[in-house]
């Protein structure tokens, strides 16, 4: 839960800073808050990577908006990365290598034997399609708000479509893992192979 709050606070600070004092105030508020969050995490002796990654991400987004002189450009990386993820996930389904399954079985150490199981491929295909729709929806909504120059609404959409939708995607992957049940070990044949 703390991670959700930590990732949302710089966006909130950016939007409030922009509405109260313009682009410069927004950038200072977002970067200062990201650094403060990183310092707090380090003082708590939490993992360094999320702290550094958070500061780095906010700094890049702030740098883009500073360079272009447009407050809405703070959200550009997130908008276009959602489109890229939607395309990659969709292509993985078309290639019959659903990315949700690839990631899940890489994390669990079972390798790629699951691809030989029709049920596992189908379940992880569905989970990958759910993730594709999530990324595509994020892109569509945020790109619309970007084109309309709605900085405050962009910040709200980024937060509301961030972790809550990601939780839906994680539930879809968990369902696929459970629904596909037993996946054969490498070299083992099952009756469900295609």
N, C-alpha and C. Protein backbone atom coordinates (compact mmCIF):
# COMPACT_ATOMS: atom_id res chain seq x y z
N UNK A 1 0.83 -1.20 0.00
CA UNK A 1 0.00 0.00 0.00
C UNK A 1 0.87 1.26 0.00
N UNK A 2 1.98 1.20 0.74
CA UNK A 2 2.86 2.36 0.81
C UNK A 2 3.43 2.69 -0.56
N UNK A 3 3.72 1.66 -1.37
CA UNK A 3 4.26 1.87 -2.71
C UNK A 3 3.28 2.64 -3.59
N UNK A 4 2.00 2.36 -3.43
CA UNK A 4 0.97 3.08 -4.20
C UNK A 4 0.99 4.56 -3.84
N UNK A 5 1.06 4.82 -2.55
CA UNK A 5 1.08 6.22 -2.07
C UNK A 5 2.36 6.90 -2.56
N UNK A 6 3.50 6.22 -2.42
CA UNK A 6 4.78 6.80 -2.83
C UNK A 6 4.79 7.17 -4.31
N UNK A 7 4.24 6.31 -5.15
CA UNK A 7 4.27 6.59 -6.59
C UNK A 7 3.25 7.66 -6.98
N UNK A 8 2.20 7.82 -6.20
CA UNK A 8 1.16 8.81 -6.51
C UNK A 8 1.53 10.21 -6.05
N UNK A 9 2.27 10.33 -4.97
CA UNK A 9 2.53 11.64 -4.38
C UNK A 9 3.26 12.61 -5.32
N UNK A 10 4.32 12.20 -6.04
CA UNK A 10 4.95 13.16 -6.95
C UNK A 10 4.01 13.64 -8.06
N UNK A 11 3.13 12.78 -8.53
CA UNK A 11 2.16 13.19 -9.56
C UNK A 11 1.21 14.23 -8.98
N UNK A 12 0.72 13.97 -7.77
CA UNK A 12 -0.18 14.93 -7.10
C UNK A 12 0.54 16.26 -6.89
N UNK A 13 1.79 16.17 -6.41
CA UNK A 13 2.57 17.40 -6.18
C UNK A 13 2.78 18.17 -7.48
N UNK A 14 3.01 17.44 -8.57
CA UNK A 14 3.22 18.08 -9.87
C UNK A 14 1.96 18.82 -10.32
N UNK A 15 0.82 18.15 -10.22
CA UNK A 15 -0.44 18.76 -10.67
C UNK A 15 -0.79 19.98 -9.80
N UNK A 16 -0.65 19.85 -8.48
CA UNK A 16 -0.95 20.98 -7.59
C UNK A 16 0.04 22.12 -7.83
N UNK A 17 1.33 21.77 -7.96
CA UNK A 17 2.34 22.80 -8.22
C UNK A 17 2.07 23.54 -9.52
N UNK A 18 1.65 22.81 -10.54
CA UNK A 18 1.35 23.43 -11.83
C UNK A 18 0.15 24.37 -11.74
N UNK A 19 -0.87 23.93 -11.03
CA UNK A 19 -2.08 24.77 -10.94
C UNK A 19 -1.85 26.01 -10.07
N UNK A 20 -0.96 25.91 -9.07
CA UNK A 20 -0.73 27.05 -8.18
C UNK A 20 0.38 27.98 -8.66
N UNK A 21 1.44 27.40 -9.24
CA UNK A 21 2.59 28.25 -9.56
C UNK A 21 3.18 28.05 -10.93
N UNK A 22 2.56 27.23 -11.76
CA UNK A 22 3.07 27.02 -13.10
C UNK A 22 4.06 25.86 -13.19
N UNK A 23 4.67 25.74 -14.35
CA UNK A 23 5.54 24.61 -14.67
C UNK A 23 6.74 24.50 -13.73
N UNK A 24 7.40 25.60 -13.47
CA UNK A 24 8.59 25.55 -12.62
C UNK A 24 8.24 25.03 -11.22
N UNK A 25 7.16 25.54 -10.65
CA UNK A 25 6.72 25.10 -9.32
C UNK A 25 6.35 23.62 -9.34
N UNK A 26 5.73 23.17 -10.43
CA UNK A 26 5.34 21.77 -10.56
C UNK A 26 6.57 20.87 -10.57
N UNK A 27 7.57 21.24 -11.35
CA UNK A 27 8.79 20.44 -11.43
C UNK A 27 9.50 20.38 -10.09
N UNK A 28 9.65 21.53 -9.45
CA UNK A 28 10.32 21.57 -8.14
C UNK A 28 9.56 20.72 -7.13
N UNK A 29 8.23 20.84 -7.11
CA UNK A 29 7.42 20.08 -6.15
C UNK A 29 7.55 18.58 -6.37
N UNK A 30 7.46 18.14 -7.62
CA UNK A 30 7.53 16.70 -7.91
C UNK A 30 8.90 16.12 -7.60
N UNK A 31 9.95 16.81 -8.04
CA UNK A 31 11.31 16.30 -7.81
C UNK A 31 11.65 16.33 -6.32
N UNK A 32 11.31 17.43 -5.64
CA UNK A 32 11.60 17.53 -4.21
C UNK A 32 10.89 16.43 -3.43
N UNK A 33 9.64 16.17 -3.78
CA UNK A 33 8.90 15.13 -3.07
C UNK A 33 9.46 13.74 -3.37
N UNK A 34 9.87 13.50 -4.62
CA UNK A 34 10.47 12.21 -4.97
C UNK A 34 11.77 11.99 -4.20
N UNK A 35 12.58 13.04 -4.06
CA UNK A 35 13.84 12.94 -3.30
C UNK A 35 13.53 12.70 -1.82
N UNK A 36 12.53 13.40 -1.28
CA UNK A 36 12.15 13.21 0.13
C UNK A 36 11.66 11.79 0.38
N UNK A 37 10.88 11.25 -0.54
CA UNK A 37 10.39 9.87 -0.40
C UNK A 37 11.56 8.89 -0.45
N UNK A 38 12.50 9.12 -1.38
CA UNK A 38 13.68 8.26 -1.48
C UNK A 38 14.49 8.32 -0.20
N UNK A 39 14.68 9.51 0.34
CA UNK A 39 15.44 9.66 1.59
C UNK A 39 14.74 8.93 2.74
N UNK A 40 13.43 9.07 2.80
CA UNK A 40 12.67 8.39 3.86
C UNK A 40 12.79 6.87 3.74
N UNK A 41 12.75 6.37 2.51
CA UNK A 41 12.88 4.92 2.30
C UNK A 41 14.27 4.45 2.70
N UNK A 42 15.28 5.24 2.38
CA UNK A 42 16.65 4.87 2.74
C UNK A 42 16.85 4.90 4.25
N UNK A 43 16.24 5.89 4.92
CA UNK A 43 16.33 5.95 6.38
C UNK A 43 15.65 4.76 7.04
N UNK A 44 14.60 4.25 6.40
CA UNK A 44 13.90 3.07 6.92
C UNK A 44 14.64 1.78 6.56
N UNK A 45 15.75 1.93 5.83
CA UNK A 45 16.58 0.80 5.37
C UNK A 45 15.80 -0.14 4.45
N UNK A 46 14.94 0.47 3.63
CA UNK A 46 14.21 -0.30 2.62
C UNK A 46 15.09 -0.43 1.38
N UNK A 47 14.64 -1.19 0.41
CA UNK A 47 15.41 -1.42 -0.80
C UNK A 47 15.75 -0.10 -1.49
N UNK A 48 16.99 0.00 -1.97
CA UNK A 48 17.46 1.23 -2.60
C UNK A 48 16.90 1.39 -4.00
N UNK A 49 16.70 0.30 -4.74
CA UNK A 49 16.28 0.38 -6.14
C UNK A 49 14.95 1.11 -6.35
N UNK A 50 13.88 0.82 -5.61
CA UNK A 50 12.65 1.58 -5.82
C UNK A 50 12.82 3.07 -5.52
N UNK A 51 13.63 3.38 -4.50
CA UNK A 51 13.86 4.79 -4.15
C UNK A 51 14.58 5.51 -5.28
N UNK A 52 15.66 4.92 -5.79
CA UNK A 52 16.43 5.53 -6.87
C UNK A 52 15.59 5.55 -8.15
N UNK A 53 14.88 4.46 -8.43
CA UNK A 53 14.03 4.40 -9.62
C UNK A 53 12.94 5.46 -9.61
N UNK A 54 12.36 5.71 -8.44
CA UNK A 54 11.32 6.73 -8.33
C UNK A 54 11.86 8.12 -8.63
N UNK A 55 13.02 8.44 -8.06
CA UNK A 55 13.63 9.75 -8.31
C UNK A 55 14.01 9.87 -9.78
N UNK A 56 14.58 8.81 -10.33
CA UNK A 56 15.01 8.81 -11.73
C UNK A 56 13.82 9.03 -12.67
N UNK A 57 12.72 8.30 -12.43
CA UNK A 57 11.53 8.43 -13.27
C UNK A 57 10.93 9.83 -13.21
N UNK A 58 10.81 10.37 -12.01
CA UNK A 58 10.26 11.72 -11.85
C UNK A 58 11.18 12.74 -12.50
N UNK A 59 12.50 12.57 -12.33
CA UNK A 59 13.46 13.52 -12.91
C UNK A 59 13.38 13.51 -14.44
N UNK A 60 13.25 12.33 -15.03
CA UNK A 60 13.16 12.27 -16.50
C UNK A 60 11.86 12.93 -16.98
N UNK A 61 10.75 12.60 -16.34
CA UNK A 61 9.46 13.20 -16.74
C UNK A 61 9.50 14.71 -16.55
N UNK A 62 10.06 15.17 -15.44
CA UNK A 62 10.17 16.60 -15.18
C UNK A 62 11.11 17.26 -16.19
N UNK A 63 12.19 16.57 -16.52
CA UNK A 63 13.14 17.10 -17.50
C UNK A 63 12.51 17.27 -18.87
N UNK A 64 11.69 16.33 -19.27
CA UNK A 64 11.00 16.44 -20.57
C UNK A 64 10.07 17.65 -20.56
N UNK A 65 9.29 17.80 -19.49
CA UNK A 65 8.36 18.94 -19.45
C UNK A 65 9.12 20.27 -19.37
N UNK A 66 10.25 20.29 -18.68
CA UNK A 66 11.06 21.51 -18.62
C UNK A 66 11.62 21.85 -20.00
N UNK A 67 12.13 20.82 -20.68
CA UNK A 67 12.75 21.01 -22.00
C UNK A 67 11.73 21.51 -23.03
N UNK A 68 10.53 20.93 -23.01
CA UNK A 68 9.50 21.33 -23.98
C UNK A 68 8.75 22.58 -23.55
N UNK A 69 8.78 22.88 -22.24
CA UNK A 69 8.05 24.04 -21.73
C UNK A 69 6.56 23.79 -21.57
N UNK A 70 6.15 22.50 -21.62
CA UNK A 70 4.73 22.16 -21.54
C UNK A 70 4.49 21.24 -20.34
N UNK A 71 3.59 21.63 -19.47
CA UNK A 71 3.31 20.84 -18.28
C UNK A 71 2.77 19.45 -18.62
N UNK A 72 2.00 19.34 -19.70
CA UNK A 72 1.41 18.05 -20.03
C UNK A 72 2.46 17.02 -20.47
N UNK A 73 3.63 17.49 -20.89
CA UNK A 73 4.66 16.56 -21.36
C UNK A 73 5.29 15.74 -20.24
N UNK A 74 4.99 16.08 -19.00
CA UNK A 74 5.41 15.27 -17.85
C UNK A 74 4.87 13.84 -17.98
N UNK A 75 3.76 13.69 -18.66
CA UNK A 75 3.07 12.40 -18.76
C UNK A 75 3.39 11.63 -20.04
N UNK A 76 4.22 12.21 -20.92
CA UNK A 76 4.49 11.59 -22.22
C UNK A 76 5.05 10.18 -22.14
N UNK A 77 6.06 9.98 -21.31
CA UNK A 77 6.69 8.65 -21.23
C UNK A 77 5.66 7.60 -20.83
N UNK A 78 4.86 7.90 -19.83
CA UNK A 78 3.84 6.96 -19.38
C UNK A 78 2.81 6.66 -20.45
N UNK A 79 2.40 7.68 -21.17
CA UNK A 79 1.39 7.50 -22.22
C UNK A 79 1.91 6.56 -23.29
N UNK A 80 3.10 6.86 -23.81
CA UNK A 80 3.63 6.07 -24.93
C UNK A 80 4.14 4.70 -24.49
N UNK A 81 4.58 4.56 -23.25
CA UNK A 81 4.99 3.23 -22.79
C UNK A 81 3.77 2.32 -22.67
N UNK A 82 2.60 2.88 -22.33
CA UNK A 82 1.38 2.07 -22.30
C UNK A 82 1.02 1.56 -23.69
N UNK A 83 1.17 2.41 -24.71
CA UNK A 83 0.91 1.95 -26.08
C UNK A 83 1.89 0.85 -26.47
N UNK A 84 3.17 1.05 -26.16
CA UNK A 84 4.18 0.04 -26.50
C UNK A 84 3.88 -1.29 -25.81
N UNK A 85 3.51 -1.24 -24.54
CA UNK A 85 3.18 -2.47 -23.81
C UNK A 85 1.94 -3.15 -24.40
N UNK A 86 0.93 -2.37 -24.76
CA UNK A 86 -0.27 -2.94 -25.37
C UNK A 86 0.08 -3.67 -26.66
N UNK A 87 0.93 -3.08 -27.48
CA UNK A 87 1.32 -3.70 -28.75
C UNK A 87 2.13 -4.98 -28.50
N UNK A 88 3.10 -4.92 -27.59
CA UNK A 88 3.94 -6.09 -27.31
C UNK A 88 3.10 -7.23 -26.75
N UNK A 89 2.20 -6.94 -25.81
CA UNK A 89 1.36 -7.99 -25.23
C UNK A 89 0.42 -8.58 -26.28
N UNK A 90 -0.15 -7.73 -27.14
CA UNK A 90 -1.04 -8.23 -28.19
C UNK A 90 -0.27 -9.11 -29.18
N UNK A 91 0.92 -8.69 -29.56
CA UNK A 91 1.72 -9.49 -30.50
C UNK A 91 2.12 -10.83 -29.89
N UNK A 92 2.35 -10.85 -28.58
CA UNK A 92 2.72 -12.11 -27.94
C UNK A 92 1.58 -13.13 -28.00
N UNK A 93 0.34 -12.65 -27.94
CA UNK A 93 -0.82 -13.54 -28.06
C UNK A 93 -0.91 -14.07 -29.49
N UNK A 94 -0.72 -13.16 -30.46
CA UNK A 94 -0.78 -13.58 -31.86
C UNK A 94 0.33 -14.58 -32.20
N UNK A 95 1.47 -14.45 -31.53
CA UNK A 95 2.60 -15.37 -31.76
C UNK A 95 2.46 -16.67 -30.95
N UNK A 96 1.35 -16.80 -30.22
CA UNK A 96 1.06 -17.98 -29.39
C UNK A 96 2.11 -18.17 -28.29
N UNK A 97 2.61 -17.05 -27.81
CA UNK A 97 3.54 -17.03 -26.68
C UNK A 97 3.09 -15.92 -25.73
N UNK A 98 1.91 -16.09 -25.12
CA UNK A 98 1.35 -15.02 -24.28
C UNK A 98 2.33 -14.56 -23.21
N UNK A 99 2.60 -13.29 -23.21
CA UNK A 99 3.63 -12.73 -22.34
C UNK A 99 3.34 -12.93 -20.86
N UNK A 100 2.08 -12.95 -20.48
CA UNK A 100 1.74 -13.20 -19.07
C UNK A 100 2.27 -14.56 -18.64
N UNK A 101 2.16 -15.57 -19.48
CA UNK A 101 2.69 -16.89 -19.18
C UNK A 101 4.20 -16.93 -19.18
N UNK A 102 4.80 -16.25 -20.13
CA UNK A 102 6.27 -16.20 -20.19
C UNK A 102 6.82 -15.62 -18.89
N UNK A 103 6.24 -14.50 -18.45
CA UNK A 103 6.72 -13.85 -17.23
C UNK A 103 6.43 -14.72 -16.01
N UNK A 104 5.21 -15.26 -15.93
CA UNK A 104 4.83 -16.06 -14.76
C UNK A 104 5.76 -17.28 -14.61
N UNK A 105 5.94 -18.02 -15.67
CA UNK A 105 6.74 -19.23 -15.56
C UNK A 105 8.23 -18.94 -15.48
N UNK A 106 8.67 -17.79 -15.94
CA UNK A 106 10.06 -17.38 -15.73
C UNK A 106 10.29 -17.09 -14.25
N UNK A 107 9.30 -16.44 -13.62
CA UNK A 107 9.41 -16.11 -12.20
C UNK A 107 9.33 -17.36 -11.32
N UNK A 108 8.55 -18.35 -11.76
CA UNK A 108 8.40 -19.56 -10.94
C UNK A 108 9.46 -20.60 -11.25
N UNK A 109 10.29 -20.34 -12.26
CA UNK A 109 11.40 -21.24 -12.58
C UNK A 109 11.01 -22.49 -13.34
N UNK A 110 9.82 -22.53 -13.94
CA UNK A 110 9.38 -23.73 -14.65
C UNK A 110 9.74 -23.72 -16.12
N UNK A 111 10.35 -22.65 -16.59
CA UNK A 111 10.78 -22.62 -17.98
C UNK A 111 9.61 -22.43 -18.94
N UNK A 112 9.77 -23.01 -20.13
CA UNK A 112 8.79 -22.77 -21.20
C UNK A 112 7.94 -23.99 -21.54
N UNK A 113 8.00 -25.04 -20.73
CA UNK A 113 7.22 -26.25 -21.02
C UNK A 113 5.72 -25.99 -21.05
N UNK A 114 5.27 -24.97 -20.37
CA UNK A 114 3.84 -24.64 -20.32
C UNK A 114 3.28 -24.35 -21.70
N UNK A 115 4.11 -23.91 -22.63
CA UNK A 115 3.63 -23.56 -23.97
C UNK A 115 3.13 -24.77 -24.74
N UNK A 116 3.54 -25.95 -24.30
CA UNK A 116 3.09 -27.18 -24.96
C UNK A 116 1.71 -27.61 -24.46
N UNK A 117 1.24 -26.98 -23.41
CA UNK A 117 -0.05 -27.33 -22.81
C UNK A 117 -1.11 -26.36 -23.33
N UNK A 118 -2.08 -26.88 -24.06
CA UNK A 118 -3.11 -26.05 -24.68
C UNK A 118 -3.89 -25.23 -23.66
N UNK A 119 -4.27 -25.86 -22.55
CA UNK A 119 -5.05 -25.15 -21.53
C UNK A 119 -4.24 -23.99 -20.92
N UNK A 120 -2.98 -24.23 -20.61
CA UNK A 120 -2.13 -23.17 -20.04
C UNK A 120 -1.96 -22.05 -21.05
N UNK A 121 -1.75 -22.39 -22.30
CA UNK A 121 -1.59 -21.37 -23.34
C UNK A 121 -2.86 -20.53 -23.48
N UNK A 122 -4.02 -21.20 -23.43
CA UNK A 122 -5.30 -20.49 -23.55
C UNK A 122 -5.53 -19.58 -22.34
N UNK A 123 -5.31 -20.10 -21.13
CA UNK A 123 -5.53 -19.30 -19.92
C UNK A 123 -4.60 -18.09 -19.87
N UNK A 124 -3.34 -18.31 -20.17
CA UNK A 124 -2.41 -17.18 -20.16
C UNK A 124 -2.63 -16.26 -21.35
N UNK A 125 -3.20 -16.78 -22.41
CA UNK A 125 -3.61 -15.91 -23.52
C UNK A 125 -4.70 -14.94 -23.08
N UNK A 126 -5.67 -15.45 -22.33
CA UNK A 126 -6.75 -14.60 -21.82
C UNK A 126 -6.18 -13.54 -20.87
N UNK A 127 -5.29 -13.97 -19.97
CA UNK A 127 -4.68 -13.02 -19.02
C UNK A 127 -3.88 -11.95 -19.77
N UNK A 128 -3.19 -12.36 -20.83
CA UNK A 128 -2.41 -11.41 -21.62
C UNK A 128 -3.31 -10.43 -22.35
N UNK A 129 -4.45 -10.91 -22.82
CA UNK A 129 -5.43 -10.02 -23.47
C UNK A 129 -5.97 -9.01 -22.47
N UNK A 130 -6.24 -9.45 -21.23
CA UNK A 130 -6.69 -8.52 -20.19
C UNK A 130 -5.65 -7.42 -19.98
N UNK A 131 -4.38 -7.82 -19.89
CA UNK A 131 -3.32 -6.83 -19.72
C UNK A 131 -3.21 -5.90 -20.93
N UNK A 132 -3.39 -6.46 -22.12
CA UNK A 132 -3.36 -5.65 -23.34
C UNK A 132 -4.45 -4.58 -23.30
N UNK A 133 -5.65 -4.98 -22.90
CA UNK A 133 -6.77 -4.04 -22.81
C UNK A 133 -6.48 -2.95 -21.76
N UNK A 134 -5.89 -3.33 -20.66
CA UNK A 134 -5.55 -2.36 -19.61
C UNK A 134 -4.57 -1.31 -20.16
N UNK A 135 -3.50 -1.79 -20.79
CA UNK A 135 -2.51 -0.84 -21.34
C UNK A 135 -3.12 0.02 -22.44
N UNK A 136 -3.94 -0.58 -23.29
CA UNK A 136 -4.57 0.18 -24.38
C UNK A 136 -5.54 1.22 -23.82
N UNK A 137 -6.30 0.87 -22.78
CA UNK A 137 -7.23 1.82 -22.16
C UNK A 137 -6.48 2.98 -21.53
N UNK A 138 -5.39 2.67 -20.85
CA UNK A 138 -4.57 3.74 -20.27
C UNK A 138 -4.10 4.69 -21.37
N UNK A 139 -3.59 4.11 -22.46
CA UNK A 139 -3.10 4.94 -23.55
C UNK A 139 -4.23 5.81 -24.12
N UNK A 140 -5.37 5.19 -24.42
CA UNK A 140 -6.47 5.91 -25.07
C UNK A 140 -6.96 7.08 -24.21
N UNK A 141 -7.19 6.82 -22.93
CA UNK A 141 -7.72 7.87 -22.05
C UNK A 141 -6.68 8.98 -21.85
N UNK A 142 -5.44 8.58 -21.56
CA UNK A 142 -4.43 9.59 -21.27
C UNK A 142 -4.01 10.36 -22.52
N UNK A 143 -4.01 9.70 -23.67
CA UNK A 143 -3.69 10.42 -24.91
C UNK A 143 -4.80 11.43 -25.23
N UNK A 144 -6.04 11.05 -24.98
CA UNK A 144 -7.16 11.98 -25.18
C UNK A 144 -7.00 13.21 -24.28
N UNK A 145 -6.69 12.98 -23.01
CA UNK A 145 -6.52 14.09 -22.07
C UNK A 145 -5.29 14.92 -22.41
N UNK A 146 -4.24 14.27 -22.91
CA UNK A 146 -3.04 14.98 -23.34
C UNK A 146 -3.37 15.91 -24.50
N UNK A 147 -4.11 15.39 -25.48
CA UNK A 147 -4.49 16.20 -26.65
C UNK A 147 -5.39 17.36 -26.24
N UNK A 148 -6.20 17.16 -25.19
CA UNK A 148 -7.10 18.21 -24.71
C UNK A 148 -6.39 19.18 -23.76
N UNK A 149 -5.09 18.93 -23.48
CA UNK A 149 -4.27 19.78 -22.60
C UNK A 149 -4.84 19.86 -21.19
N UNK A 150 -5.31 18.72 -20.68
CA UNK A 150 -5.91 18.63 -19.35
C UNK A 150 -4.89 18.05 -18.36
N UNK A 151 -3.99 18.89 -17.85
CA UNK A 151 -2.91 18.42 -16.99
C UNK A 151 -3.46 17.81 -15.69
N UNK A 152 -4.42 18.48 -15.06
CA UNK A 152 -4.99 17.96 -13.82
C UNK A 152 -5.69 16.62 -14.04
N UNK A 153 -6.44 16.52 -15.11
CA UNK A 153 -7.13 15.26 -15.43
C UNK A 153 -6.14 14.16 -15.80
N UNK A 154 -5.04 14.54 -16.43
CA UNK A 154 -4.00 13.56 -16.75
C UNK A 154 -3.43 12.95 -15.47
N UNK A 155 -3.16 13.81 -14.49
CA UNK A 155 -2.64 13.32 -13.21
C UNK A 155 -3.63 12.39 -12.52
N UNK A 156 -4.89 12.78 -12.54
CA UNK A 156 -5.94 11.94 -11.93
C UNK A 156 -6.04 10.60 -12.66
N UNK A 157 -6.03 10.64 -13.99
CA UNK A 157 -6.13 9.40 -14.77
C UNK A 157 -4.93 8.51 -14.52
N UNK A 158 -3.74 9.09 -14.43
CA UNK A 158 -2.54 8.30 -14.19
C UNK A 158 -2.64 7.54 -12.87
N UNK A 159 -3.15 8.22 -11.85
CA UNK A 159 -3.27 7.58 -10.53
C UNK A 159 -4.39 6.54 -10.54
N UNK A 160 -5.56 6.91 -11.03
CA UNK A 160 -6.71 6.00 -11.00
C UNK A 160 -6.55 4.80 -11.93
N UNK A 161 -5.82 5.00 -13.02
CA UNK A 161 -5.64 3.90 -13.98
C UNK A 161 -4.31 3.17 -13.75
N UNK A 162 -3.59 3.56 -12.71
CA UNK A 162 -2.30 2.95 -12.42
C UNK A 162 -2.46 1.63 -11.67
N UNK A 163 -2.24 1.67 -10.37
CA UNK A 163 -2.28 0.45 -9.57
C UNK A 163 -3.64 -0.25 -9.54
N UNK A 164 -4.76 0.48 -9.50
CA UNK A 164 -6.03 -0.25 -9.49
C UNK A 164 -6.21 -1.16 -10.72
N UNK A 165 -5.88 -0.65 -11.91
CA UNK A 165 -5.99 -1.50 -13.10
C UNK A 165 -4.91 -2.57 -13.14
N UNK A 166 -3.72 -2.23 -12.63
CA UNK A 166 -2.67 -3.24 -12.56
C UNK A 166 -3.10 -4.39 -11.66
N UNK A 167 -3.83 -4.08 -10.58
CA UNK A 167 -4.34 -5.13 -9.69
C UNK A 167 -5.28 -6.07 -10.45
N UNK A 168 -6.09 -5.52 -11.35
CA UNK A 168 -6.97 -6.35 -12.18
C UNK A 168 -6.13 -7.27 -13.06
N UNK A 169 -5.06 -6.73 -13.64
CA UNK A 169 -4.17 -7.54 -14.46
C UNK A 169 -3.50 -8.65 -13.68
N UNK A 170 -3.06 -8.33 -12.46
CA UNK A 170 -2.42 -9.34 -11.61
C UNK A 170 -3.43 -10.43 -11.25
N UNK A 171 -4.67 -10.05 -10.99
CA UNK A 171 -5.71 -11.05 -10.71
C UNK A 171 -5.95 -11.95 -11.91
N UNK A 172 -5.89 -11.37 -13.11
CA UNK A 172 -6.06 -12.18 -14.33
C UNK A 172 -4.93 -13.19 -14.47
N UNK A 173 -3.71 -12.78 -14.17
CA UNK A 173 -2.57 -13.69 -14.25
C UNK A 173 -2.68 -14.77 -13.17
N UNK A 174 -3.10 -14.38 -11.96
CA UNK A 174 -3.28 -15.36 -10.89
C UNK A 174 -4.37 -16.37 -11.26
N UNK A 175 -5.45 -15.89 -11.88
CA UNK A 175 -6.50 -16.80 -12.35
C UNK A 175 -5.93 -17.78 -13.38
N UNK A 176 -5.14 -17.26 -14.32
CA UNK A 176 -4.56 -18.12 -15.36
C UNK A 176 -3.66 -19.17 -14.76
N UNK A 177 -2.87 -18.79 -13.77
CA UNK A 177 -1.97 -19.74 -13.12
C UNK A 177 -2.76 -20.84 -12.42
N UNK A 178 -3.84 -20.44 -11.78
CA UNK A 178 -4.67 -21.43 -11.07
C UNK A 178 -5.47 -22.29 -12.05
N UNK A 179 -6.03 -21.65 -13.07
CA UNK A 179 -6.89 -22.37 -14.02
C UNK A 179 -6.11 -23.33 -14.90
N UNK A 180 -4.85 -23.02 -15.17
CA UNK A 180 -4.07 -23.91 -16.03
C UNK A 180 -3.54 -25.11 -15.26
N UNK A 181 -3.64 -25.04 -13.94
CA UNK A 181 -3.27 -26.12 -13.02
C UNK A 181 -1.87 -26.63 -13.27
N UNK A 182 -1.77 -27.91 -13.47
CA UNK A 182 -0.46 -28.55 -13.58
C UNK A 182 0.10 -28.35 -14.99
N UNK A 183 1.32 -27.85 -15.03
CA UNK A 183 2.01 -27.67 -16.31
C UNK A 183 3.10 -28.73 -16.39
N UNK A 184 3.26 -29.37 -17.56
CA UNK A 184 4.26 -30.43 -17.67
C UNK A 184 5.68 -29.91 -17.49
N UNK A 185 6.52 -30.77 -16.96
CA UNK A 185 7.95 -30.45 -16.87
C UNK A 185 8.52 -30.56 -18.28
N UNK A 186 9.70 -30.01 -18.48
CA UNK A 186 10.35 -30.04 -19.80
C UNK A 186 10.48 -31.49 -20.25
N UNK A 187 10.02 -31.79 -21.46
CA UNK A 187 10.15 -33.14 -22.02
C UNK A 187 9.00 -34.06 -21.69
N UNK A 188 8.17 -33.73 -20.72
CA UNK A 188 7.04 -34.58 -20.33
C UNK A 188 5.87 -34.36 -21.25
N UNK A 189 5.18 -35.42 -21.66
CA UNK A 189 4.04 -35.31 -22.57
C UNK A 189 2.75 -35.43 -21.77
N UNK A 190 1.75 -34.69 -22.19
CA UNK A 190 0.44 -34.77 -21.53
C UNK A 190 -0.63 -34.95 -22.60
N UNK A 191 -1.80 -35.42 -22.22
CA UNK A 191 -2.88 -35.59 -23.19
C UNK A 191 -3.40 -34.28 -23.75
N UNK A 192 -3.14 -33.16 -23.07
CA UNK A 192 -3.69 -31.89 -23.55
C UNK A 192 -2.76 -31.17 -24.51
N UNK A 193 -1.67 -31.75 -24.88
CA UNK A 193 -0.75 -31.07 -25.79
C UNK A 193 -1.39 -30.89 -27.15
N UNK A 194 -1.05 -29.76 -27.78
CA UNK A 194 -1.62 -29.51 -29.09
C UNK A 194 -0.69 -30.00 -30.19
